Amino acid sequence: MTAKIRTAHDDQPIDGQAPQTTSASVETRYERVDLDRYVVLHDGPVGYVEHVHPVFVCYVGHPYTHSEEIAQVHDFHDAVKTVLHRAVATRRAL
């Protein structure tokens, strides 16, 4: 017997479960791109989170080589939110 648990970046509903009612644009999405690096997505890549023990380093910008460090936090989900909020604020300012 196998079990599948819905994660933050699953697009398809699991058999026997109701589809989520929240839209994908509201949900924070991220993907692992390297051993200790994740790309944060919001209508495309907007930044990165890198795990450098004991902190998660937050970067805004794309590609990674042109991104700017904006914060260091101790919680992964807080790091993703930090990147997303700064990227959205930067887009609004333009």
N, C-alpha and C. Protein backbone atom coordinates (compact mmCIF):
# COMPACT_ATOMS: atom_id res chain seq x y z
N MET A 1 0.84 -1.17 0.00
CA MET A 1 0.00 0.00 0.00
C MET A 1 0.89 1.24 0.00
N THR A 2 0.51 2.22 -0.80
CA THR A 2 1.25 3.48 -0.84
C THR A 2 0.32 4.62 -0.47
N ALA A 3 0.90 5.65 0.06
CA ALA A 3 0.13 6.84 0.43
C ALA A 3 0.78 8.05 -0.21
N LYS A 4 -0.05 8.97 -0.68
CA LYS A 4 0.47 10.21 -1.26
C LYS A 4 -0.11 11.37 -0.47
N ILE A 5 0.77 12.24 -0.06
CA ILE A 5 0.36 13.41 0.70
C ILE A 5 0.51 14.63 -0.19
N ARG A 6 -0.50 15.47 -0.22
CA ARG A 6 -0.46 16.69 -1.03
C ARG A 6 0.62 17.62 -0.48
N THR A 7 1.46 18.14 -1.36
CA THR A 7 2.49 19.09 -0.98
C THR A 7 2.15 20.45 -1.54
N ALA A 8 2.95 21.45 -1.20
CA ALA A 8 2.68 22.82 -1.62
C ALA A 8 2.74 23.00 -3.12
N HIS A 9 3.43 22.12 -3.84
CA HIS A 9 3.57 22.31 -5.27
C HIS A 9 2.92 21.20 -6.10
N ASP A 10 1.95 20.48 -5.56
CA ASP A 10 1.18 19.52 -6.35
C ASP A 10 0.09 20.27 -7.11
N ASP A 11 0.01 20.03 -8.43
CA ASP A 11 -1.01 20.69 -9.24
C ASP A 11 -2.29 19.86 -9.33
N GLN A 12 -2.18 18.55 -9.30
CA GLN A 12 -3.31 17.67 -9.49
C GLN A 12 -3.89 17.22 -8.15
N PRO A 13 -5.22 17.15 -8.03
CA PRO A 13 -5.80 16.61 -6.80
C PRO A 13 -5.52 15.11 -6.72
N ILE A 14 -5.36 14.60 -5.53
CA ILE A 14 -5.13 13.19 -5.31
C ILE A 14 -6.46 12.47 -5.42
N ASP A 15 -6.47 11.26 -6.01
CA ASP A 15 -7.70 10.49 -6.17
C ASP A 15 -8.43 10.37 -4.84
N GLY A 16 -9.70 10.66 -4.85
CA GLY A 16 -10.51 10.55 -3.66
C GLY A 16 -10.52 11.80 -2.80
N GLN A 17 -9.77 12.83 -3.18
CA GLN A 17 -9.75 14.07 -2.41
C GLN A 17 -10.35 15.20 -3.24
N ALA A 18 -10.97 16.11 -2.57
CA ALA A 18 -11.55 17.26 -3.26
C ALA A 18 -10.43 18.19 -3.71
N PRO A 19 -10.60 18.86 -4.85
CA PRO A 19 -9.58 19.81 -5.29
C PRO A 19 -9.52 21.00 -4.34
N GLN A 20 -8.35 21.63 -4.27
CA GLN A 20 -8.20 22.79 -3.41
C GLN A 20 -8.99 23.96 -3.98
N THR A 21 -9.52 24.79 -3.08
CA THR A 21 -10.31 25.93 -3.53
C THR A 21 -9.46 27.18 -3.70
N THR A 22 -8.25 27.21 -3.15
CA THR A 22 -7.41 28.39 -3.31
C THR A 22 -6.77 28.37 -4.69
N SER A 23 -6.57 29.56 -5.24
CA SER A 23 -5.98 29.64 -6.57
C SER A 23 -4.47 29.47 -6.48
N ALA A 24 -3.85 29.06 -7.58
CA ALA A 24 -2.42 28.81 -7.60
C ALA A 24 -1.63 30.10 -7.42
N SER A 25 -2.19 31.24 -7.83
CA SER A 25 -1.46 32.50 -7.71
C SER A 25 -1.32 32.94 -6.25
N VAL A 26 -2.25 32.51 -5.37
CA VAL A 26 -2.18 32.86 -3.96
C VAL A 26 -1.18 31.95 -3.25
N GLU A 27 -1.09 30.73 -3.68
CA GLU A 27 -0.23 29.74 -3.04
C GLU A 27 1.23 29.99 -3.38
N THR A 28 2.08 29.99 -2.38
CA THR A 28 3.50 30.15 -2.60
C THR A 28 4.05 28.86 -3.16
N ARG A 29 4.80 28.97 -4.26
CA ARG A 29 5.36 27.79 -4.90
C ARG A 29 6.88 27.90 -4.92
N TYR A 30 7.49 26.74 -4.80
CA TYR A 30 8.95 26.68 -4.87
C TYR A 30 9.35 25.31 -5.41
N GLU A 31 10.54 25.25 -5.96
CA GLU A 31 11.08 24.00 -6.48
C GLU A 31 12.53 23.89 -6.08
N ARG A 32 12.96 22.68 -5.81
CA ARG A 32 14.36 22.44 -5.51
C ARG A 32 15.15 22.47 -6.81
N VAL A 33 16.22 23.26 -6.88
CA VAL A 33 17.02 23.36 -8.09
C VAL A 33 18.45 22.89 -7.89
N ASP A 34 18.85 22.72 -6.65
CA ASP A 34 20.19 22.25 -6.33
C ASP A 34 20.11 21.57 -4.97
N LEU A 35 21.23 21.04 -4.52
CA LEU A 35 21.25 20.30 -3.26
C LEU A 35 20.68 21.12 -2.11
N ASP A 36 21.09 22.37 -1.98
CA ASP A 36 20.64 23.24 -0.88
C ASP A 36 20.00 24.53 -1.37
N ARG A 37 19.45 24.53 -2.59
CA ARG A 37 18.89 25.76 -3.17
C ARG A 37 17.50 25.50 -3.74
N TYR A 38 16.60 26.46 -3.49
CA TYR A 38 15.23 26.40 -4.01
C TYR A 38 14.95 27.68 -4.77
N VAL A 39 14.18 27.57 -5.85
CA VAL A 39 13.73 28.75 -6.58
C VAL A 39 12.31 29.04 -6.13
N VAL A 40 12.00 30.31 -5.87
CA VAL A 40 10.66 30.74 -5.47
C VAL A 40 9.96 31.23 -6.72
N LEU A 41 8.74 30.73 -6.94
CA LEU A 41 8.00 31.02 -8.17
C LEU A 41 6.75 31.84 -7.87
N HIS A 42 6.53 32.86 -8.69
CA HIS A 42 5.31 33.67 -8.66
C HIS A 42 5.17 34.27 -10.05
N ASP A 43 4.43 33.63 -10.92
CA ASP A 43 4.39 34.00 -12.34
C ASP A 43 5.81 33.93 -12.93
N GLY A 44 6.52 32.88 -12.60
CA GLY A 44 7.90 32.71 -13.02
C GLY A 44 8.84 32.83 -11.83
N PRO A 45 10.13 32.57 -12.04
CA PRO A 45 11.08 32.65 -10.93
C PRO A 45 11.29 34.09 -10.46
N VAL A 46 11.21 34.30 -9.15
CA VAL A 46 11.39 35.65 -8.59
C VAL A 46 12.56 35.72 -7.62
N GLY A 47 13.06 34.58 -7.15
CA GLY A 47 14.15 34.60 -6.20
C GLY A 47 14.54 33.20 -5.77
N TYR A 48 15.41 33.15 -4.78
CA TYR A 48 15.96 31.87 -4.34
C TYR A 48 16.07 31.84 -2.83
N VAL A 49 16.06 30.61 -2.29
CA VAL A 49 16.34 30.37 -0.88
C VAL A 49 17.45 29.32 -0.86
N GLU A 50 18.51 29.63 -0.14
CA GLU A 50 19.65 28.72 -0.06
C GLU A 50 19.88 28.35 1.41
N HIS A 51 20.03 27.06 1.68
CA HIS A 51 20.26 26.61 3.05
C HIS A 51 21.76 26.60 3.32
N VAL A 52 22.19 27.50 4.19
CA VAL A 52 23.57 27.55 4.65
C VAL A 52 23.48 27.41 6.17
N HIS A 53 23.63 26.19 6.64
CA HIS A 53 23.38 25.88 8.04
C HIS A 53 24.04 26.90 8.96
N PRO A 54 23.36 27.48 9.89
CA PRO A 54 22.04 27.20 10.42
C PRO A 54 20.94 28.10 9.88
N VAL A 55 21.19 28.85 8.82
CA VAL A 55 20.19 29.81 8.32
C VAL A 55 19.78 29.49 6.89
N PHE A 56 18.69 30.12 6.47
CA PHE A 56 18.25 30.11 5.09
C PHE A 56 18.49 31.51 4.54
N VAL A 57 19.28 31.59 3.48
CA VAL A 57 19.63 32.88 2.89
C VAL A 57 18.62 33.18 1.78
N CYS A 58 18.05 34.39 1.80
CA CYS A 58 17.02 34.80 0.87
C CYS A 58 17.62 35.70 -0.21
N TYR A 59 17.31 35.40 -1.46
CA TYR A 59 17.78 36.19 -2.60
C TYR A 59 16.59 36.60 -3.46
N VAL A 60 16.61 37.81 -3.99
CA VAL A 60 15.61 38.26 -4.94
C VAL A 60 16.31 38.52 -6.26
N GLY A 61 15.69 38.07 -7.34
CA GLY A 61 16.24 38.27 -8.67
C GLY A 61 16.41 36.95 -9.39
N HIS A 62 16.55 37.05 -10.69
CA HIS A 62 16.73 35.87 -11.52
C HIS A 62 17.59 36.26 -12.71
N PRO A 63 18.56 35.48 -13.10
CA PRO A 63 18.98 34.18 -12.58
C PRO A 63 19.75 34.33 -11.26
N TYR A 64 20.10 33.20 -10.68
CA TYR A 64 20.74 33.17 -9.37
C TYR A 64 22.00 34.03 -9.34
N THR A 65 22.78 34.00 -10.40
CA THR A 65 24.04 34.75 -10.42
C THR A 65 23.83 36.26 -10.38
N HIS A 66 22.62 36.73 -10.71
CA HIS A 66 22.31 38.15 -10.67
C HIS A 66 21.37 38.53 -9.53
N SER A 67 21.09 37.58 -8.65
CA SER A 67 20.18 37.87 -7.55
C SER A 67 20.91 38.59 -6.42
N GLU A 68 20.11 39.23 -5.57
CA GLU A 68 20.64 40.03 -4.47
C GLU A 68 20.18 39.45 -3.13
N GLU A 69 21.11 39.28 -2.21
CA GLU A 69 20.76 38.78 -0.88
C GLU A 69 19.98 39.84 -0.13
N ILE A 70 18.85 39.41 0.46
CA ILE A 70 18.00 40.38 1.17
C ILE A 70 17.82 40.05 2.64
N ALA A 71 18.02 38.78 3.03
CA ALA A 71 17.79 38.41 4.43
C ALA A 71 18.38 37.04 4.73
N GLN A 72 18.49 36.77 6.03
CA GLN A 72 18.85 35.45 6.52
C GLN A 72 17.88 35.13 7.65
N VAL A 73 17.20 34.00 7.55
CA VAL A 73 16.21 33.62 8.55
C VAL A 73 16.44 32.16 8.97
N HIS A 74 15.78 31.76 10.05
CA HIS A 74 15.98 30.42 10.59
C HIS A 74 14.90 29.42 10.18
N ASP A 75 13.85 29.86 9.50
CA ASP A 75 12.76 28.97 9.11
C ASP A 75 12.60 29.00 7.59
N PHE A 76 12.52 27.82 6.96
CA PHE A 76 12.43 27.74 5.51
C PHE A 76 11.20 28.46 4.97
N HIS A 77 10.04 28.22 5.55
CA HIS A 77 8.81 28.82 5.04
C HIS A 77 8.81 30.34 5.22
N ASP A 78 9.42 30.82 6.30
CA ASP A 78 9.58 32.27 6.46
C ASP A 78 10.50 32.83 5.39
N ALA A 79 11.52 32.07 5.01
CA ALA A 79 12.43 32.51 3.96
C ALA A 79 11.71 32.63 2.62
N VAL A 80 10.88 31.64 2.30
CA VAL A 80 10.12 31.68 1.04
C VAL A 80 9.18 32.89 1.04
N LYS A 81 8.50 33.13 2.16
CA LYS A 81 7.60 34.29 2.25
C LYS A 81 8.37 35.60 2.12
N THR A 82 9.55 35.68 2.70
CA THR A 82 10.37 36.89 2.62
C THR A 82 10.73 37.19 1.17
N VAL A 83 11.17 36.17 0.46
CA VAL A 83 11.52 36.35 -0.96
C VAL A 83 10.30 36.79 -1.75
N LEU A 84 9.18 36.12 -1.55
CA LEU A 84 7.97 36.43 -2.29
C LEU A 84 7.50 37.86 -2.02
N HIS A 85 7.47 38.26 -0.76
CA HIS A 85 7.00 39.60 -0.42
C HIS A 85 7.91 40.69 -1.01
N ARG A 86 9.21 40.47 -0.94
CA ARG A 86 10.13 41.47 -1.51
C ARG A 86 10.00 41.53 -3.02
N ALA A 87 9.84 40.38 -3.67
CA ALA A 87 9.71 40.36 -5.13
C ALA A 87 8.44 41.06 -5.57
N VAL A 88 7.33 40.83 -4.86
CA VAL A 88 6.06 41.48 -5.20
C VAL A 88 6.16 42.98 -4.96
N ALA A 89 6.79 43.38 -3.86
CA ALA A 89 6.95 44.82 -3.57
C ALA A 89 7.82 45.49 -4.62
N THR A 90 8.85 44.80 -5.08
CA THR A 90 9.74 45.36 -6.11
C THR A 90 8.99 45.51 -7.43
N ARG A 91 8.16 44.53 -7.77
CA ARG A 91 7.37 44.62 -9.03
C ARG A 91 6.39 45.77 -8.97
N ARG A 92 5.76 45.98 -7.81
CA ARG A 92 4.79 47.08 -7.68
C ARG A 92 5.47 48.44 -7.79
N ALA A 93 6.71 48.52 -7.31
CA ALA A 93 7.43 49.79 -7.35
C ALA A 93 7.83 50.18 -8.76
N LEU A 94 7.95 49.20 -9.65
CA LEU A 94 8.37 49.50 -11.03
C LEU A 94 7.23 50.03 -11.79
